[in-house]
Amino acid sequence: MAKLYSKNALATSKLLPKKETISFLLKYSKALNIVKMGGINFEFIAN
């Protein structure tokens, strides 16, 4: 059976997001409001 794996492990680089990306995600998560009524979820984004 042929060897399917390479000898060198693939180098994984650390993902460093930009400050703008972090800021956007934090603002989005603060603006998101989920209301559960019965078996239905309503998602509201307050801008």
PDB file of N, CA and C in Angstrom:
ATOM      1  N   MET A   1       0.858  -1.178   0.000  1.00  0.00           N
ATOM      2  CA  MET A   1       0.000   0.000   0.000  1.00  0.00           C
ATOM      3  C   MET A   1       0.900   1.235   0.000  1.00  0.00           C
ATOM      4  N   ALA A   2       0.547   2.178  -0.792  1.00  0.00           N
ATOM      5  CA  ALA A   2       1.349   3.396  -0.905  1.00  0.00           C
ATOM      6  C   ALA A   2       1.213   4.239   0.354  1.00  0.00           C
ATOM      7  N   LYS A   3       2.299   4.904   0.692  1.00  0.00           N
ATOM      8  CA  LYS A   3       2.273   5.780   1.857  1.00  0.00           C
ATOM      9  C   LYS A   3       1.570   7.077   1.462  1.00  0.00           C
ATOM     10  N   LEU A   4       0.530   7.436   2.176  1.00  0.00           N
ATOM     11  CA  LEU A   4      -0.292   8.582   1.816  1.00  0.00           C
ATOM     12  C   LEU A   4       0.130   9.859   2.511  1.00  0.00           C
ATOM     13  N   TYR A   5       1.041   9.762   3.450  1.00  0.00           N
ATOM     14  CA  TYR A   5       1.413  10.932   4.229  1.00  0.00           C
ATOM     15  C   TYR A   5       2.805  11.400   3.836  1.00  0.00           C
ATOM     16  N   SER A   6       2.980  12.702   3.822  1.00  0.00           N
ATOM     17  CA  SER A   6       4.310  13.226   3.512  1.00  0.00           C
ATOM     18  C   SER A   6       5.202  13.115   4.741  1.00  0.00           C
ATOM     19  N   LYS A   7       6.506  13.118   4.515  1.00  0.00           N
ATOM     20  CA  LYS A   7       7.433  13.011   5.629  1.00  0.00           C
ATOM     21  C   LYS A   7       7.454  14.285   6.465  1.00  0.00           C
ATOM     22  N   ASN A   8       7.330  15.421   5.804  1.00  0.00           N
ATOM     23  CA  ASN A   8       7.337  16.697   6.522  1.00  0.00           C
ATOM     24  C   ASN A   8       5.924  17.073   6.920  1.00  0.00           C
ATOM     25  N   ALA A   9       5.762  17.384   8.177  1.00  0.00           N
ATOM     26  CA  ALA A   9       4.451  17.825   8.652  1.00  0.00           C
ATOM     27  C   ALA A   9       4.183  19.224   8.100  1.00  0.00           C
ATOM     28  N   LEU A  10       2.960  19.449   7.736  1.00  0.00           N
ATOM     29  CA  LEU A  10       2.608  20.765   7.214  1.00  0.00           C
ATOM     30  C   LEU A  10       2.722  21.800   8.317  1.00  0.00           C
ATOM     31  N   ALA A  11       3.364  22.883   8.011  1.00  0.00           N
ATOM     32  CA  ALA A  11       3.539  23.943   9.005  1.00  0.00           C
ATOM     33  C   ALA A  11       2.226  24.693   9.170  1.00  0.00           C
ATOM     34  N   THR A  12       1.807  24.820  10.397  1.00  0.00           N
ATOM     35  CA  THR A  12       0.590  25.573  10.665  1.00  0.00           C
ATOM     36  C   THR A  12       0.981  26.950  11.179  1.00  0.00           C
ATOM     37  N   SER A  13       0.470  27.939  10.528  1.00  0.00           N
ATOM     38  CA  SER A  13       0.774  29.300  10.965  1.00  0.00           C
ATOM     39  C   SER A  13      -0.310  29.771  11.916  1.00  0.00           C
ATOM     40  N   LYS A  14       0.082  30.600  12.853  1.00  0.00           N
ATOM     41  CA  LYS A  14      -0.886  31.140  13.794  1.00  0.00           C
ATOM     42  C   LYS A  14      -1.718  32.196  13.080  1.00  0.00           C
ATOM     43  N   LEU A  15      -3.012  32.105  13.268  1.00  0.00           N
ATOM     44  CA  LEU A  15      -3.905  33.075  12.648  1.00  0.00           C
ATOM     45  C   LEU A  15      -4.024  34.287  13.558  1.00  0.00           C
ATOM     46  N   LEU A  16      -3.617  35.414  13.066  1.00  0.00           N
ATOM     47  CA  LEU A  16      -3.688  36.640  13.841  1.00  0.00           C
ATOM     48  C   LEU A  16      -4.670  37.590  13.162  1.00  0.00           C
ATOM     49  N   PRO A  17      -5.901  37.661  13.665  1.00  0.00           N
ATOM     50  CA  PRO A  17      -6.895  38.535  13.035  1.00  0.00           C
ATOM     51  C   PRO A  17      -6.570  40.006  13.275  1.00  0.00           C
ATOM     52  N   LYS A  18      -7.051  40.829  12.375  1.00  0.00           N
ATOM     53  CA  LYS A  18      -6.846  42.272  12.508  1.00  0.00           C
ATOM     54  C   LYS A  18      -7.728  42.808  13.632  1.00  0.00           C
ATOM     55  N   LYS A  19      -7.356  43.950  14.168  1.00  0.00           N
ATOM     56  CA  LYS A  19      -8.141  44.574  15.235  1.00  0.00           C
ATOM     57  C   LYS A  19      -9.532  44.931  14.741  1.00  0.00           C
ATOM     58  N   GLU A  20      -9.638  45.301  13.460  1.00  0.00           N
ATOM     59  CA  GLU A  20     -10.939  45.643  12.892  1.00  0.00           C
ATOM     60  C   GLU A  20     -11.877  44.440  12.882  1.00  0.00           C
ATOM     61  N   THR A  21     -11.322  43.260  12.624  1.00  0.00           N
ATOM     62  CA  THR A  21     -12.134  42.040  12.606  1.00  0.00           C
ATOM     63  C   THR A  21     -12.653  41.719  13.997  1.00  0.00           C
ATOM     64  N   ILE A  22     -11.795  41.812  14.991  1.00  0.00           N
ATOM     65  CA  ILE A  22     -12.207  41.557  16.373  1.00  0.00           C
ATOM     66  C   ILE A  22     -13.270  42.552  16.806  1.00  0.00           C
ATOM     67  N   SER A  23     -13.065  43.821  16.462  1.00  0.00           N
ATOM     68  CA  SER A  23     -14.020  44.865  16.819  1.00  0.00           C
ATOM     69  C   SER A  23     -15.378  44.596  16.170  1.00  0.00           C
ATOM     70  N   PHE A  24     -15.364  44.218  14.893  1.00  0.00           N
ATOM     71  CA  PHE A  24     -16.617  43.920  14.186  1.00  0.00           C
ATOM     72  C   PHE A  24     -17.363  42.771  14.849  1.00  0.00           C
ATOM     73  N   LEU A  25     -16.658  41.692  15.178  1.00  0.00           N
ATOM     74  CA  LEU A  25     -17.310  40.541  15.790  1.00  0.00           C
ATOM     75  C   LEU A  25     -17.876  40.857  17.166  1.00  0.00           C
ATOM     76  N   LEU A  26     -17.164  41.643  17.948  1.00  0.00           N
ATOM     77  CA  LEU A  26     -17.661  42.026  19.264  1.00  0.00           C
ATOM     78  C   LEU A  26     -18.904  42.897  19.157  1.00  0.00           C
ATOM     79  N   LYS A  27     -18.898  43.850  18.246  1.00  0.00           N
ATOM     80  CA  LYS A  27     -20.057  44.714  18.060  1.00  0.00           C
ATOM     81  C   LYS A  27     -21.250  43.911  17.555  1.00  0.00           C
ATOM     82  N   TYR A  28     -21.009  42.988  16.642  1.00  0.00           N
ATOM     83  CA  TYR A  28     -22.088  42.154  16.112  1.00  0.00           C
ATOM     84  C   TYR A  28     -22.696  41.292  17.210  1.00  0.00           C
ATOM     85  N   SER A  29     -21.858  40.691  18.032  1.00  0.00           N
ATOM     86  CA  SER A  29     -22.368  39.818  19.086  1.00  0.00           C
ATOM     87  C   SER A  29     -23.158  40.601  20.129  1.00  0.00           C
ATOM     88  N   LYS A  30     -22.779  41.859  20.370  1.00  0.00           N
ATOM     89  CA  LYS A  30     -23.522  42.689  21.317  1.00  0.00           C
ATOM     90  C   LYS A  30     -24.862  43.123  20.734  1.00  0.00           C
ATOM     91  N   ALA A  31     -24.927  43.290  19.408  1.00  0.00           N
ATOM     92  CA  ALA A  31     -26.152  43.758  18.772  1.00  0.00           C
ATOM     93  C   ALA A  31     -27.143  42.622  18.510  1.00  0.00           C
ATOM     94  N   LEU A  32     -26.668  41.388  18.527  1.00  0.00           N
ATOM     95  CA  LEU A  32     -27.526  40.242  18.217  1.00  0.00           C
ATOM     96  C   LEU A  32     -28.383  39.893  19.421  1.00  0.00           C
ATOM     97  N   ASN A  33     -29.675  39.742  19.169  1.00  0.00           N
ATOM     98  CA  ASN A  33     -30.613  39.381  20.224  1.00  0.00           C
ATOM     99  C   ASN A  33     -31.460  38.225  19.712  1.00  0.00           C
ATOM    100  N   ILE A  34     -31.498  37.128  20.459  1.00  0.00           N
ATOM    101  CA  ILE A  34     -32.266  35.947  20.073  1.00  0.00           C
ATOM    102  C   ILE A  34     -33.393  35.764  21.071  1.00  0.00           C
ATOM    103  N   VAL A  35     -34.625  35.706  20.546  1.00  0.00           N
ATOM    104  CA  VAL A  35     -35.815  35.519  21.375  1.00  0.00           C
ATOM    105  C   VAL A  35     -36.434  34.176  21.008  1.00  0.00           C
ATOM    106  N   LYS A  36     -36.635  33.328  22.014  1.00  0.00           N
ATOM    107  CA  LYS A  36     -37.243  32.026  21.797  1.00  0.00           C
ATOM    108  C   LYS A  36     -38.716  32.092  22.182  1.00  0.00           C
ATOM    109  N   MET A  37     -39.577  31.774  21.226  1.00  0.00           N
ATOM    110  CA  MET A  37     -41.018  31.734  21.485  1.00  0.00           C
ATOM    111  C   MET A  37     -41.536  30.393  21.005  1.00  0.00           C
ATOM    112  N   GLY A  38     -41.891  29.566  21.940  1.00  0.00           N
ATOM    113  CA  GLY A  38     -42.332  28.230  21.580  1.00  0.00           C
ATOM    114  C   GLY A  38     -41.173  27.437  21.007  1.00  0.00           C
ATOM    115  N   GLY A  39     -41.320  26.949  19.796  1.00  0.00           N
ATOM    116  CA  GLY A  39     -40.248  26.198  19.146  1.00  0.00           C
ATOM    117  C   GLY A  39     -39.531  27.004  18.093  1.00  0.00           C
ATOM    118  N   ILE A  40     -39.775  28.320  18.073  1.00  0.00           N
ATOM    119  CA  ILE A  40     -39.205  29.182  17.035  1.00  0.00           C
ATOM    120  C   ILE A  40     -38.237  30.171  17.669  1.00  0.00           C
ATOM    121  N   ASN A  41     -37.095  30.353  17.025  1.00  0.00           N
ATOM    122  CA  ASN A  41     -36.114  31.345  17.462  1.00  0.00           C
ATOM    123  C   ASN A  41     -36.183  32.547  16.527  1.00  0.00           C
ATOM    124  N   PHE A  42     -36.294  33.733  17.094  1.00  0.00           N
ATOM    125  CA  PHE A  42     -36.266  34.970  16.324  1.00  0.00           C
ATOM    126  C   PHE A  42     -34.940  35.668  16.599  1.00  0.00           C
ATOM    127  N   GLU A  43     -34.240  36.044  15.535  1.00  0.00           N
ATOM    128  CA  GLU A  43     -32.960  36.722  15.672  1.00  0.00           C
ATOM    129  C   GLU A  43     -33.122  38.162  15.213  1.00  0.00           C
ATOM    130  N   PHE A  44     -32.719  39.091  16.074  1.00  0.00           N
ATOM    131  CA  PHE A  44     -32.790  40.513  15.769  1.00  0.00           C
ATOM    132  C   PHE A  44     -31.394  41.117  15.867  1.00  0.00           C
ATOM    133  N   ILE A  45     -31.067  41.957  14.912  1.00  0.00           N
ATOM    134  CA  ILE A  45     -29.815  42.680  14.965  1.00  0.00           C
ATOM    135  C   ILE A  45     -30.146  44.162  15.113  1.00  0.00           C
ATOM    136  N   ALA A  46     -29.790  44.726  16.272  1.00  0.00           N
ATOM    137  CA  ALA A  46     -30.064  46.130  16.550  1.00  0.00           C
ATOM    138  C   ALA A  46     -28.876  46.951  16.065  1.00  0.00           C
ATOM    139  N   ASN A  47     -29.110  47.750  15.056  1.00  0.00           N
ATOM    140  CA  ASN A  47     -28.032  48.608  14.537  1.00  0.00           C
ATOM    141  C   ASN A  47     -28.140  49.973  15.134  1.00  0.00           C
TER     142      ASN A  47
END
